[in-house]
Structures are given as structure tokens and as C-alpha cells.
Amino acid sequence: MGTFRPNGGERDVLGMEIFKEEHPAFVGLHGCVVSPEERNLPEIDFRQFKFQYGGIEHKTLPSMPYAYAQALAAIAKNGGSTVNTAVLSRLEEYGYIKKTGAAYHPTFLAMFKTSPF
């Protein structure tokens, strides 16, 4: 049970511990803009959590290049028929996509914003 707050809320309990290893595990939320030039390109709202723990940081790309995020969007929309084969291979190697028949599909949920007008 936490500390009661106004309007019926409660505070959570926070625990701390002393870390005696070389460096603590890291968690970060990464997008798909890796260079200053990419900031001027149309927005792709891609996000992935990156974990540095027990070697799992090597299971995904160190950073998602904008061109790869463009490819993921194309794959989610139409199977990736127009995507460069080297990009497809790299995305498949890291498990972002999977080939089914002649088409590729993301291995994660992809959602797109649409205008109500």
C-alpha cells in the first residue's frame, strides 16, 4: 500500500539496489533518425526499445537507419515488393521481417495513422 494522494491516488514504492558490476544494464527507446540529414525527411514514427543486457543488444540492429524504417513501412503496407533485396536480407537476418511465399511481413505489430477527413 502506498502513500495516499489527493483525489484517491496512491504513491508507488521505489526500491534501489547497489550495482557492483562493470556497468548497469541499459534500456533506451530508439527511433529511425541516425543522422542530421534524416531529420528533414518525412516522419516515420518507428520506435524500438534497446536493451543492453546479457548480450541481447546484438540481436537487433544497433540503430534503425531511416531507409530500413521506410522498408519496414513498405513491407507492412504491401509485402515489400519494391524494397531493395539487400535491405530485405538485413531486416530478415535480425528478425524484423519474415518471408511467407513471395511476400515479406513484419514480425511485430505495425500501425499507421490515418486522417479522419
PDB file of N, CA and C in Angstrom:
ATOM      1  N   MET A   1       0.849  -1.162   0.000  1.00  0.00           N
ATOM      2  CA  MET A   1       0.000   0.000   0.000  1.00  0.00           C
ATOM      3  C   MET A   1       0.900   1.232   0.000  1.00  0.00           C
ATOM      4  N   GLY A   2       0.611   2.195  -0.876  1.00  0.00           N
ATOM      5  CA  GLY A   2       1.429   3.390  -1.000  1.00  0.00           C
ATOM      6  C   GLY A   2       0.887   4.547  -0.177  1.00  0.00           C
ATOM      7  N   THR A   3       1.529   5.692  -0.353  1.00  0.00           N
ATOM      8  CA  THR A   3       1.103   6.909   0.323  1.00  0.00           C
ATOM      9  C   THR A   3      -0.096   7.484  -0.419  1.00  0.00           C
ATOM     10  N   PHE A   4      -1.183   7.780   0.315  1.00  0.00           N
ATOM     11  CA  PHE A   4      -2.373   8.318  -0.329  1.00  0.00           C
ATOM     12  C   PHE A   4      -2.113   9.736  -0.821  1.00  0.00           C
ATOM     13  N   ARG A   5      -2.651  10.037  -2.002  1.00  0.00           N
ATOM     14  CA  ARG A   5      -2.509  11.351  -2.615  1.00  0.00           C
ATOM     15  C   ARG A   5      -3.886  11.957  -2.803  1.00  0.00           C
ATOM     16  N   PRO A   6      -3.957  13.239  -3.139  1.00  0.00           N
ATOM     17  CA  PRO A   6      -5.264  13.864  -3.390  1.00  0.00           C
ATOM     18  C   PRO A   6      -6.041  13.097  -4.466  1.00  0.00           C
ATOM     19  N   ASN A   7      -7.339  13.180  -4.440  1.00  0.00           N
ATOM     20  CA  ASN A   7      -8.231  12.557  -5.423  1.00  0.00           C
ATOM     21  C   ASN A   7      -8.167  11.034  -5.430  1.00  0.00           C
ATOM     22  N   GLY A   8      -7.812  10.413  -4.308  1.00  0.00           N
ATOM     23  CA  GLY A   8      -7.861   8.960  -4.195  1.00  0.00           C
ATOM     24  C   GLY A   8      -6.673   8.214  -4.754  1.00  0.00           C
ATOM     25  N   GLY A   9      -5.607   8.907  -5.160  1.00  0.00           N
ATOM     26  CA  GLY A   9      -4.436   8.231  -5.708  1.00  0.00           C
ATOM     27  C   GLY A   9      -3.513   7.715  -4.625  1.00  0.00           C
ATOM     28  N   GLU A  10      -2.528   6.909  -5.029  1.00  0.00           N
ATOM     29  CA  GLU A  10      -1.521   6.397  -4.104  1.00  0.00           C
ATOM     30  C   GLU A  10      -0.149   6.547  -4.729  1.00  0.00           C
ATOM     31  N   ARG A  11       0.883   6.642  -3.919  1.00  0.00           N
ATOM     32  CA  ARG A  11       2.256   6.655  -4.414  1.00  0.00           C
ATOM     33  C   ARG A  11       2.745   5.215  -4.509  1.00  0.00           C
ATOM     34  N   ASP A  12       3.590   4.962  -5.500  1.00  0.00           N
ATOM     35  CA  ASP A  12       4.221   3.646  -5.607  1.00  0.00           C
ATOM     36  C   ASP A  12       5.452   3.598  -4.727  1.00  0.00           C
ATOM     37  N   VAL A  13       5.894   2.400  -4.427  1.00  0.00           N
ATOM     38  CA  VAL A  13       7.108   2.205  -3.654  1.00  0.00           C
ATOM     39  C   VAL A  13       8.258   2.018  -4.629  1.00  0.00           C
ATOM     40  N   LEU A  14       9.369   2.687  -4.391  1.00  0.00           N
ATOM     41  CA  LEU A  14      10.545   2.595  -5.243  1.00  0.00           C
ATOM     42  C   LEU A  14      11.643   1.886  -4.475  1.00  0.00           C
ATOM     43  N   GLY A  15      12.216   0.861  -5.068  1.00  0.00           N
ATOM     44  CA  GLY A  15      13.318   0.142  -4.437  1.00  0.00           C
ATOM     45  C   GLY A  15      14.614   0.427  -5.164  1.00  0.00           C
ATOM     46  N   MET A  16      15.701   0.481  -4.473  1.00  0.00           N
ATOM     47  CA  MET A  16      17.023   0.725  -5.058  1.00  0.00           C
ATOM     48  C   MET A  16      17.950  -0.401  -4.615  1.00  0.00           C
ATOM     49  N   GLU A  17      18.981  -0.640  -5.408  1.00  0.00           N
ATOM     50  CA  GLU A  17      19.971  -1.621  -5.017  1.00  0.00           C
ATOM     51  C   GLU A  17      21.347  -1.128  -5.446  1.00  0.00           C
ATOM     52  N   ILE A  18      22.381  -1.650  -4.860  1.00  0.00           N
ATOM     53  CA  ILE A  18      23.753  -1.295  -5.211  1.00  0.00           C
ATOM     54  C   ILE A  18      24.204  -2.235  -6.321  1.00  0.00           C
ATOM     55  N   PHE A  19      24.726  -1.673  -7.403  1.00  0.00           N
ATOM     56  CA  PHE A  19      25.187  -2.455  -8.545  1.00  0.00           C
ATOM     57  C   PHE A  19      26.702  -2.537  -8.501  1.00  0.00           C
ATOM     58  N   LYS A  20      27.249  -3.749  -8.428  1.00  0.00           N
ATOM     59  CA  LYS A  20      28.689  -3.923  -8.262  1.00  0.00           C
ATOM     60  C   LYS A  20      29.383  -4.438  -9.521  1.00  0.00           C
ATOM     61  N   GLU A  21      28.687  -4.485 -10.646  1.00  0.00           N
ATOM     62  CA  GLU A  21      29.291  -4.962 -11.889  1.00  0.00           C
ATOM     63  C   GLU A  21      29.992  -3.807 -12.608  1.00  0.00           C
ATOM     64  N   GLU A  22      30.496  -4.088 -13.828  1.00  0.00           N
ATOM     65  CA  GLU A  22      31.229  -3.084 -14.590  1.00  0.00           C
ATOM     66  C   GLU A  22      30.344  -1.890 -14.957  1.00  0.00           C
ATOM     67  N   HIS A  23      29.149  -2.157 -15.451  1.00  0.00           N
ATOM     68  CA  HIS A  23      28.197  -1.093 -15.769  1.00  0.00           C
ATOM     69  C   HIS A  23      26.793  -1.668 -15.707  1.00  0.00           C
ATOM     70  N   PRO A  24      25.814  -0.829 -15.373  1.00  0.00           N
ATOM     71  CA  PRO A  24      24.441  -1.349 -15.258  1.00  0.00           C
ATOM     72  C   PRO A  24      23.844  -1.664 -16.628  1.00  0.00           C
ATOM     73  N   ALA A  25      22.816  -2.490 -16.628  1.00  0.00           N
ATOM     74  CA  ALA A  25      22.080  -2.777 -17.853  1.00  0.00           C
ATOM     75  C   ALA A  25      21.440  -1.487 -18.338  1.00  0.00           C
ATOM     76  N   PHE A  26      21.354  -1.318 -19.634  1.00  0.00           N
ATOM     77  CA  PHE A  26      20.832  -0.088 -20.229  1.00  0.00           C
ATOM     78  C   PHE A  26      19.571  -0.406 -21.020  1.00  0.00           C
ATOM     79  N   VAL A  27      18.588   0.460 -20.925  1.00  0.00           N
ATOM     80  CA  VAL A  27      17.382   0.369 -21.747  1.00  0.00           C
ATOM     81  C   VAL A  27      17.174   1.733 -22.371  1.00  0.00           C
ATOM     82  N   GLY A  28      16.957   1.763 -23.678  1.00  0.00           N
ATOM     83  CA  GLY A  28      16.723   3.016 -24.375  1.00  0.00           C
ATOM     84  C   GLY A  28      15.637   2.845 -25.420  1.00  0.00           C
ATOM     85  N   LEU A  29      14.950   3.927 -25.716  1.00  0.00           N
ATOM     86  CA  LEU A  29      13.929   3.925 -26.765  1.00  0.00           C
ATOM     87  C   LEU A  29      14.519   4.625 -27.974  1.00  0.00           C
ATOM     88  N   HIS A  30      14.682   3.898 -29.067  1.00  0.00           N
ATOM     89  CA  HIS A  30      15.345   4.412 -30.257  1.00  0.00           C
ATOM     90  C   HIS A  30      14.347   4.574 -31.398  1.00  0.00           C
ATOM     91  N   GLY A  31      14.571   5.587 -32.209  1.00  0.00           N
ATOM     92  CA  GLY A  31      13.758   5.822 -33.399  1.00  0.00           C
ATOM     93  C   GLY A  31      14.535   5.409 -34.638  1.00  0.00           C
ATOM     94  N   CYS A  32      14.296   6.116 -35.746  1.00  0.00           N
ATOM     95  CA  CYS A  32      14.940   5.733 -37.007  1.00  0.00           C
ATOM     96  C   CYS A  32      15.651   6.907 -37.672  1.00  0.00           C
ATOM     97  N   VAL A  33      16.063   7.886 -36.918  1.00  0.00           N
ATOM     98  CA  VAL A  33      16.827   9.004 -37.463  1.00  0.00           C
ATOM     99  C   VAL A  33      18.221   8.899 -36.863  1.00  0.00           C
ATOM    100  N   VAL A  34      19.218   8.596 -37.699  1.00  0.00           N
ATOM    101  CA  VAL A  34      20.565   8.394 -37.185  1.00  0.00           C
ATOM    102  C   VAL A  34      21.553   9.447 -37.673  1.00  0.00           C
ATOM    103  N   SER A  35      21.101  10.370 -38.529  1.00  0.00           N
ATOM    104  CA  SER A  35      21.981  11.438 -38.993  1.00  0.00           C
ATOM    105  C   SER A  35      21.200  12.750 -39.042  1.00  0.00           C
ATOM    106  N   PRO A  36      21.893  13.882 -38.954  1.00  0.00           N
ATOM    107  CA  PRO A  36      21.194  15.180 -39.004  1.00  0.00           C
ATOM    108  C   PRO A  36      20.377  15.368 -40.279  1.00  0.00           C
ATOM    109  N   GLU A  37      20.857  14.839 -41.405  1.00  0.00           N
ATOM    110  CA  GLU A  37      20.131  14.984 -42.673  1.00  0.00           C
ATOM    111  C   GLU A  37      18.779  14.288 -42.641  1.00  0.00           C
ATOM    112  N   GLU A  38      18.689  13.179 -41.916  1.00  0.00           N
ATOM    113  CA  GLU A  38      17.439  12.413 -41.872  1.00  0.00           C
ATOM    114  C   GLU A  38      16.332  13.146 -41.114  1.00  0.00           C
ATOM    115  N   ARG A  39      16.687  14.138 -40.313  1.00  0.00           N
ATOM    116  CA  ARG A  39      15.667  14.899 -39.577  1.00  0.00           C
ATOM    117  C   ARG A  39      14.739  15.673 -40.500  1.00  0.00           C
ATOM    118  N   ASN A  40      15.202  15.956 -41.709  1.00  0.00           N
ATOM    119  CA  ASN A  40      14.406  16.732 -42.664  1.00  0.00           C
ATOM    120  C   ASN A  40      13.532  15.858 -43.555  1.00  0.00           C
ATOM    121  N   LEU A  41      13.637  14.553 -43.435  1.00  0.00           N
ATOM    122  CA  LEU A  41      12.835  13.634 -44.249  1.00  0.00           C
ATOM    123  C   LEU A  41      11.452  13.469 -43.624  1.00  0.00           C
ATOM    124  N   PRO A  42      10.474  12.988 -44.404  1.00  0.00           N
ATOM    125  CA  PRO A  42       9.131  12.756 -43.834  1.00  0.00           C
ATOM    126  C   PRO A  42       9.205  11.833 -42.622  1.00  0.00           C
ATOM    127  N   GLU A  43       8.420  12.151 -41.602  1.00  0.00           N
ATOM    128  CA  GLU A  43       8.461  11.402 -40.349  1.00  0.00           C
ATOM    129  C   GLU A  43       7.988   9.961 -40.525  1.00  0.00           C
ATOM    130  N   ILE A  44       8.735   9.052 -39.941  1.00  0.00           N
ATOM    131  CA  ILE A  44       8.325   7.657 -39.792  1.00  0.00           C
ATOM    132  C   ILE A  44       8.328   7.420 -38.291  1.00  0.00           C
ATOM    133  N   ASP A  45       7.194   7.134 -37.729  1.00  0.00           N
ATOM    134  CA  ASP A  45       7.067   7.005 -36.284  1.00  0.00           C
ATOM    135  C   ASP A  45       7.427   5.586 -35.849  1.00  0.00           C
ATOM    136  N   PHE A  46       8.698   5.233 -36.039  1.00  0.00           N
ATOM    137  CA  PHE A  46       9.199   3.910 -35.657  1.00  0.00           C
ATOM    138  C   PHE A  46       9.917   4.041 -34.327  1.00  0.00           C
ATOM    139  N   ARG A  47       9.642   3.146 -33.409  1.00  0.00           N
ATOM    140  CA  ARG A  47      10.319   3.126 -32.107  1.00  0.00           C
ATOM    141  C   ARG A  47      10.635   1.683 -31.731  1.00  0.00           C
ATOM    142  N   GLN A  48      11.790   1.496 -31.116  1.00  0.00           N
ATOM    143  CA  GLN A  48      12.121   0.175 -30.579  1.00  0.00           C
ATOM    144  C   GLN A  48      12.900   0.356 -29.285  1.00  0.00           C
ATOM    145  N   PHE A  49      12.587  -0.477 -28.316  1.00  0.00           N
ATOM    146  CA  PHE A  49      13.356  -0.478 -27.083  1.00  0.00           C
ATOM    147  C   PHE A  49      14.621  -1.285 -27.318  1.00  0.00           C
ATOM    148  N   LYS A  50      15.739  -0.747 -26.886  1.00  0.00           N
ATOM    149  CA  LYS A  50      17.022  -1.428 -26.987  1.00  0.00           C
ATOM    150  C   LYS A  50      17.477  -1.759 -25.573  1.00  0.00           C
ATOM    151  N   PHE A  51      17.848  -3.000 -25.355  1.00  0.00           N
ATOM    152  CA  PHE A  51      18.307  -3.460 -24.053  1.00  0.00           C
ATOM    153  C   PHE A  51      19.766  -3.869 -24.156  1.00  0.00           C
ATOM    154  N   GLN A  52      20.595  -3.395 -23.250  1.00  0.00           N
ATOM    155  CA  GLN A  52      21.968  -3.869 -23.145  1.00  0.00           C
ATOM    156  C   GLN A  52      22.034  -4.745 -21.908  1.00  0.00           C
ATOM    157  N   TYR A  53      21.813  -6.019 -22.131  1.00  0.00           N
ATOM    158  CA  TYR A  53      21.803  -6.953 -21.013  1.00  0.00           C
ATOM    159  C   TYR A  53      22.086  -8.347 -21.542  1.00  0.00           C
ATOM    160  N   GLY A  54      23.075  -8.981 -21.020  1.00  0.00           N
ATOM    161  CA  GLY A  54      23.357 -10.375 -21.342  1.00  0.00           C
ATOM    162  C   GLY A  54      23.599 -10.652 -22.811  1.00  0.00           C
ATOM    163  N   GLY A  55      24.022  -9.658 -23.586  1.00  0.00           N
ATOM    164  CA  GLY A  55      24.308  -9.864 -24.999  1.00  0.00           C
ATOM    165  C   GLY A  55      23.124  -9.710 -25.932  1.00  0.00           C
ATOM    166  N   ILE A  56      21.925  -9.436 -25.403  1.00  0.00           N
ATOM    167  CA  ILE A  56      20.764  -9.340 -26.300  1.00  0.00           C
ATOM    168  C   ILE A  56      20.808  -8.095 -27.181  1.00  0.00           C
ATOM    169  N   GLU A  57      21.687  -7.134 -26.861  1.00  0.00           N
ATOM    170  CA  GLU A  57      21.777  -5.933 -27.696  1.00  0.00           C
ATOM    171  C   GLU A  57      22.243  -6.253 -29.113  1.00  0.00           C
ATOM    172  N   HIS A  58      22.847  -7.416 -29.315  1.00  0.00           N
ATOM    173  CA  HIS A  58      23.327  -7.819 -30.637  1.00  0.00           C
ATOM    174  C   HIS A  58      22.258  -8.536 -31.458  1.00  0.00           C
ATOM    175  N   LYS A  59      21.082  -8.725 -30.886  1.00  0.00           N
ATOM    176  CA  LYS A  59      20.010  -9.445 -31.582  1.00  0.00           C
ATOM    177  C   LYS A  59      19.193  -8.532 -32.492  1.00  0.00           C
ATOM    178  N   THR A  60      19.337  -7.213 -32.329  1.00  0.00           N
ATOM    179  CA  THR A  60      18.672  -6.248 -33.205  1.00  0.00           C
ATOM    180  C   THR A  60      19.727  -5.291 -33.748  1.00  0.00           C
ATOM    181  N   LEU A  61      19.353  -4.521 -34.749  1.00  0.00           N
ATOM    182  CA  LEU A  61      20.290  -3.552 -35.315  1.00  0.00           C
ATOM    183  C   LEU A  61      20.709  -2.549 -34.245  1.00  0.00           C
ATOM    184  N   PRO A  62      21.967  -2.096 -34.259  1.00  0.00           N
ATOM    185  CA  PRO A  62      22.404  -1.104 -33.271  1.00  0.00           C
ATOM    186  C   PRO A  62      21.560   0.169 -33.332  1.00  0.00           C
ATOM    187  N   SER A  63      21.173   0.563 -34.528  1.00  0.00           N
ATOM    188  CA  SER A  63      20.233   1.665 -34.731  1.00  0.00           C
ATOM    189  C   SER A  63      19.489   1.384 -36.023  1.00  0.00           C
ATOM    190  N   MET A  64      18.274   1.896 -36.121  1.00  0.00           N
ATOM    191  CA  MET A  64      17.449   1.646 -37.304  1.00  0.00           C
ATOM    192  C   MET A  64      17.643   2.791 -38.293  1.00  0.00           C
ATOM    193  N   PRO A  65      18.365   2.565 -39.399  1.00  0.00           N
ATOM    194  CA  PRO A  65      18.504   3.619 -40.392  1.00  0.00           C
ATOM    195  C   PRO A  65      17.137   3.996 -40.980  1.00  0.00           C
ATOM    196  N   TYR A  66      17.000   5.235 -41.374  1.00  0.00           N
ATOM    197  CA  TYR A  66      15.745   5.735 -41.935  1.00  0.00           C
ATOM    198  C   TYR A  66      15.310   4.868 -43.128  1.00  0.00           C
ATOM    199  N   ALA A  67      16.247   4.508 -43.993  1.00  0.00           N
ATOM    200  CA  ALA A  67      15.903   3.695 -45.173  1.00  0.00           C
ATOM    201  C   ALA A  67      15.334   2.336 -44.774  1.00  0.00           C
ATOM    202  N   TYR A  68      15.807   1.773 -43.667  1.00  0.00           N
ATOM    203  CA  TYR A  68      15.282   0.495 -43.202  1.00  0.00           C
ATOM    204  C   TYR A  68      13.871   0.676 -42.644  1.00  0.00           C
ATOM    205  N   ALA A  69      13.630   1.781 -41.953  1.00  0.00           N
ATOM    206  CA  ALA A  69      12.283   2.060 -41.452  1.00  0.00           C
ATOM    207  C   ALA A  69      11.324   2.282 -42.618  1.00  0.00           C
ATOM    208  N   GLN A  70      11.788   2.958 -43.669  1.00  0.00           N
ATOM    209  CA  GLN A  70      10.968   3.106 -44.889  1.00  0.00           C
ATOM    210  C   GLN A  70      10.626   1.739 -45.449  1.00  0.00           C
ATOM    211  N   ALA A  71      11.613   0.845 -45.476  1.00  0.00           N
ATOM    212  CA  ALA A  71      11.385  -0.504 -45.990  1.00  0.00           C
ATOM    213  C   ALA A  71      10.380  -1.250 -45.123  1.00  0.00           C
ATOM    214  N   LEU A  72      10.493  -1.130 -43.806  1.00  0.00           N
ATOM    215  CA  LEU A  72       9.531  -1.790 -42.912  1.00  0.00           C
ATOM    216  C   LEU A  72       8.114  -1.288 -43.164  1.00  0.00           C
ATOM    217  N   ALA A  73       7.957   0.013 -43.385  1.00  0.00           N
ATOM    218  CA  ALA A  73       6.635   0.568 -43.673  1.00  0.00           C
ATOM    219  C   ALA A  73       6.101   0.005 -44.989  1.00  0.00           C
ATOM    220  N   ALA A  74       6.952  -0.077 -46.003  1.00  0.00           N
ATOM    221  CA  ALA A  74       6.533  -0.628 -47.298  1.00  0.00           C
ATOM    222  C   ALA A  74       6.159  -2.103 -47.167  1.00  0.00           C
ATOM    223  N   ILE A  75       6.911  -2.831 -46.375  1.00  0.00           N
ATOM    224  CA  ILE A  75       6.625  -4.253 -46.165  1.00  0.00           C
ATOM    225  C   ILE A  75       5.287  -4.418 -45.459  1.00  0.00           C
ATOM    226  N   ALA A  76       5.031  -3.605 -44.447  1.00  0.00           N
ATOM    227  CA  ALA A  76       3.766  -3.690 -43.713  1.00  0.00           C
ATOM    228  C   ALA A  76       2.588  -3.326 -44.605  1.00  0.00           C
ATOM    229  N   LYS A  77       2.790  -2.407 -45.549  1.00  0.00           N
ATOM    230  CA  LYS A  77       1.695  -1.969 -46.424  1.00  0.00           C
ATOM    231  C   LYS A  77       1.465  -2.904 -47.605  1.00  0.00           C
ATOM    232  N   ASN A  78       2.565  -3.399 -48.225  1.00  0.00           N
ATOM    233  CA  ASN A  78       2.359  -4.152 -49.468  1.00  0.00           C
ATOM    234  C   ASN A  78       3.262  -5.369 -49.645  1.00  0.00           C
ATOM    235  N   GLY A  79       3.894  -5.838 -48.594  1.00  0.00           N
ATOM    236  CA  GLY A  79       4.715  -7.042 -48.704  1.00  0.00           C
ATOM    237  C   GLY A  79       6.143  -6.785 -49.137  1.00  0.00           C
ATOM    238  N   GLY A  80       6.492  -5.537 -49.438  1.00  0.00           N
ATOM    239  CA  GLY A  80       7.871  -5.199 -49.746  1.00  0.00           C
ATOM    240  C   GLY A  80       8.341  -5.523 -51.136  1.00  0.00           C
ATOM    241  N   SER A  81       7.444  -5.586 -52.099  1.00  0.00           N
ATOM    242  CA  SER A  81       7.833  -5.953 -53.459  1.00  0.00           C
ATOM    243  C   SER A  81       8.803  -4.954 -54.091  1.00  0.00           C
ATOM    244  N   THR A  82       8.841  -3.723 -53.596  1.00  0.00           N
ATOM    245  CA  THR A  82       9.711  -2.701 -54.181  1.00  0.00           C
ATOM    246  C   THR A  82      10.966  -2.434 -53.355  1.00  0.00           C
ATOM    247  N   VAL A  83      11.162  -3.186 -52.288  1.00  0.00           N
ATOM    248  CA  VAL A  83      12.284  -2.941 -51.373  1.00  0.00           C
ATOM    249  C   VAL A  83      13.544  -3.625 -51.884  1.00  0.00           C
ATOM    250  N   ASN A  84      14.666  -2.956 -51.745  1.00  0.00           N
ATOM    251  CA  ASN A  84      15.972  -3.471 -52.127  1.00  0.00           C
ATOM    252  C   ASN A  84      16.223  -4.819 -51.441  1.00  0.00           C
ATOM    253  N   THR A  85      16.719  -5.788 -52.187  1.00  0.00           N
ATOM    254  CA  THR A  85      16.904  -7.137 -51.638  1.00  0.00           C
ATOM    255  C   THR A  85      17.952  -7.177 -50.522  1.00  0.00           C
ATOM    256  N   ALA A  86      18.963  -6.315 -50.581  1.00  0.00           N
ATOM    257  CA  ALA A  86      19.963  -6.282 -49.513  1.00  0.00           C
ATOM    258  C   ALA A  86      19.330  -5.803 -48.204  1.00  0.00           C
ATOM    259  N   VAL A  87      18.414  -4.840 -48.295  1.00  0.00           N
ATOM    260  CA  VAL A  87      17.711  -4.346 -47.108  1.00  0.00           C
ATOM    261  C   VAL A  87      16.797  -5.439 -46.569  1.00  0.00           C
ATOM    262  N   LEU A  88      16.094  -6.130 -47.461  1.00  0.00           N
ATOM    263  CA  LEU A  88      15.234  -7.232 -47.036  1.00  0.00           C
ATOM    264  C   LEU A  88      16.044  -8.298 -46.297  1.00  0.00           C
ATOM    265  N   SER A  89      17.191  -8.656 -46.841  1.00  0.00           N
ATOM    266  CA  SER A  89      18.039  -9.680 -46.217  1.00  0.00           C
ATOM    267  C   SER A  89      18.484  -9.257 -44.824  1.00  0.00           C
ATOM    268  N   ARG A  90      18.888  -7.997 -44.696  1.00  0.00           N
ATOM    269  CA  ARG A  90      19.365  -7.499 -43.398  1.00  0.00           C
ATOM    270  C   ARG A  90      18.230  -7.487 -42.370  1.00  0.00           C
ATOM    271  N   LEU A  91      17.054  -7.003 -42.774  1.00  0.00           N
ATOM    272  CA  LEU A  91      15.913  -6.964 -41.859  1.00  0.00           C
ATOM    273  C   LEU A  91      15.472  -8.373 -41.460  1.00  0.00           C
ATOM    274  N   GLU A  92      15.545  -9.305 -42.401  1.00  0.00           N
ATOM    275  CA  GLU A  92      15.181 -10.692 -42.099  1.00  0.00           C
ATOM    276  C   GLU A  92      16.230 -11.337 -41.189  1.00  0.00           C
ATOM    277  N   GLU A  93      17.489 -11.045 -41.428  1.00  0.00           N
ATOM    278  CA  GLU A  93      18.578 -11.587 -40.601  1.00  0.00           C
ATOM    279  C   GLU A  93      18.396 -11.204 -39.127  1.00  0.00           C
ATOM    280  N   TYR A  94      17.938  -9.990 -38.873  1.00  0.00           N
ATOM    281  CA  TYR A  94      17.746  -9.531 -37.494  1.00  0.00           C
ATOM    282  C   TYR A  94      16.350  -9.823 -36.953  1.00  0.00           C
ATOM    283  N   GLY A  95      15.494 -10.439 -37.758  1.00  0.00           N
ATOM    284  CA  GLY A  95      14.195 -10.870 -37.262  1.00  0.00           C
ATOM    285  C   GLY A  95      13.094  -9.821 -37.294  1.00  0.00           C
ATOM    286  N   TYR A  96      13.305  -8.712 -37.994  1.00  0.00           N
ATOM    287  CA  TYR A  96      12.265  -7.695 -38.098  1.00  0.00           C
ATOM    288  C   TYR A  96      11.158  -8.113 -39.071  1.00  0.00           C
ATOM    289  N   ILE A  97      11.519  -8.954 -40.040  1.00  0.00           N
ATOM    290  CA  ILE A  97      10.555  -9.409 -41.042  1.00  0.00           C
ATOM    291  C   ILE A  97      10.715 -10.914 -41.257  1.00  0.00           C
ATOM    292  N   LYS A  98       9.683 -11.494 -41.888  1.00  0.00           N
ATOM    293  CA  LYS A  98       9.708 -12.920 -42.224  1.00  0.00           C
ATOM    294  C   LYS A  98       9.094 -13.081 -43.611  1.00  0.00           C
ATOM    295  N   LYS A  99       9.672 -13.951 -44.409  1.00  0.00           N
ATOM    296  CA  LYS A  99       9.149 -14.201 -45.756  1.00  0.00           C
ATOM    297  C   LYS A  99       8.121 -15.317 -45.707  1.00  0.00           C
ATOM    298  N   THR A 100       6.972 -15.051 -46.311  1.00  0.00           N
ATOM    299  CA  THR A 100       5.915 -16.043 -46.436  1.00  0.00           C
ATOM    300  C   THR A 100       5.518 -16.065 -47.911  1.00  0.00           C
ATOM    301  N   GLY A 101       5.830 -17.161 -48.590  1.00  0.00           N
ATOM    302  CA  GLY A 101       5.588 -17.211 -50.031  1.00  0.00           C
ATOM    303  C   GLY A 101       6.479 -16.196 -50.727  1.00  0.00           C
ATOM    304  N   ALA A 102       5.888 -15.313 -51.513  1.00  0.00           N
ATOM    305  CA  ALA A 102       6.659 -14.295 -52.231  1.00  0.00           C
ATOM    306  C   ALA A 102       6.704 -12.972 -51.480  1.00  0.00           C
ATOM    307  N   ALA A 103       5.962 -12.856 -50.388  1.00  0.00           N
ATOM    308  CA  ALA A 103       5.867 -11.584 -49.671  1.00  0.00           C
ATOM    309  C   ALA A 103       6.579 -11.634 -48.322  1.00  0.00           C
ATOM    310  N   TYR A 104       6.956 -10.470 -47.859  1.00  0.00           N
ATOM    311  CA  TYR A 104       7.541 -10.321 -46.529  1.00  0.00           C
ATOM    312  C   TYR A 104       6.508  -9.685 -45.608  1.00  0.00           C
ATOM    313  N   HIS A 105       6.612 -10.002 -44.326  1.00  0.00           N
ATOM    314  CA  HIS A 105       5.696  -9.458 -43.325  1.00  0.00           C
ATOM    315  C   HIS A 105       6.486  -9.066 -42.093  1.00  0.00           C
ATOM    316  N   PRO A 106       6.100  -7.980 -41.428  1.00  0.00           N
ATOM    317  CA  PRO A 106       6.775  -7.625 -40.172  1.00  0.00           C
ATOM    318  C   PRO A 106       6.508  -8.700 -39.116  1.00  0.00           C
ATOM    319  N   THR A 107       7.432  -8.863 -38.210  1.00  0.00           N
ATOM    320  CA  THR A 107       7.269  -9.822 -37.118  1.00  0.00           C
ATOM    321  C   THR A 107       6.780  -9.128 -35.849  1.00  0.00           C
ATOM    322  N   PHE A 108       6.263  -7.933 -36.012  1.00  0.00           N
ATOM    323  CA  PHE A 108       5.758  -7.129 -34.904  1.00  0.00           C
ATOM    324  C   PHE A 108       4.542  -6.366 -35.395  1.00  0.00           C
ATOM    325  N   LEU A 109       3.804  -5.795 -34.490  1.00  0.00           N
ATOM    326  CA  LEU A 109       2.620  -5.025 -34.841  1.00  0.00           C
ATOM    327  C   LEU A 109       3.021  -3.727 -35.525  1.00  0.00           C
ATOM    328  N   ALA A 110       2.437  -3.441 -36.672  1.00  0.00           N
ATOM    329  CA  ALA A 110       2.658  -2.176 -37.383  1.00  0.00           C
ATOM    330  C   ALA A 110       1.309  -1.479 -37.511  1.00  0.00           C
ATOM    331  N   MET A 111       1.258  -0.227 -37.076  1.00  0.00           N
ATOM    332  CA  MET A 111       0.027   0.557 -37.168  1.00  0.00           C
ATOM    333  C   MET A 111       0.338   1.847 -37.921  1.00  0.00           C
ATOM    334  N   PHE A 112      -0.634   2.336 -38.656  1.00  0.00           N
ATOM    335  CA  PHE A 112      -0.481   3.567 -39.401  1.00  0.00           C
ATOM    336  C   PHE A 112      -1.549   4.562 -39.012  1.00  0.00           C
ATOM    337  N   LYS A 113      -1.149   5.819 -38.913  1.00  0.00           N
ATOM    338  CA  LYS A 113      -2.107   6.883 -38.609  1.00  0.00           C
ATOM    339  C   LYS A 113      -2.860   7.234 -39.878  1.00  0.00           C
ATOM    340  N   THR A 114      -4.142   7.434 -39.763  1.00  0.00           N
ATOM    341  CA  THR A 114      -4.937   7.905 -40.894  1.00  0.00           C
ATOM    342  C   THR A 114      -5.717   9.127 -40.476  1.00  0.00           C
ATOM    343  N   SER A 115      -5.968   9.972 -41.421  1.00  0.00           N
ATOM    344  CA  SER A 115      -6.732  11.181 -41.144  1.00  0.00           C
ATOM    345  C   SER A 115      -8.215  10.858 -41.165  1.00  0.00           C
ATOM    346  N   PRO A 116      -8.989  11.407 -40.232  1.00  0.00           N
ATOM    347  CA  PRO A 116     -10.434  11.141 -40.239  1.00  0.00           C
ATOM    348  C   PRO A 116     -11.165  11.929 -41.340  1.00  0.00           C
ATOM    349  N   PHE A 117     -10.444  12.767 -42.063  1.00  0.00           N
ATOM    350  CA  PHE A 117     -11.089  13.599 -43.104  1.00  0.00           C
ATOM    351  C   PHE A 117     -10.782  13.115 -44.482  1.00  0.00           C
TER     352      PHE A 117
END
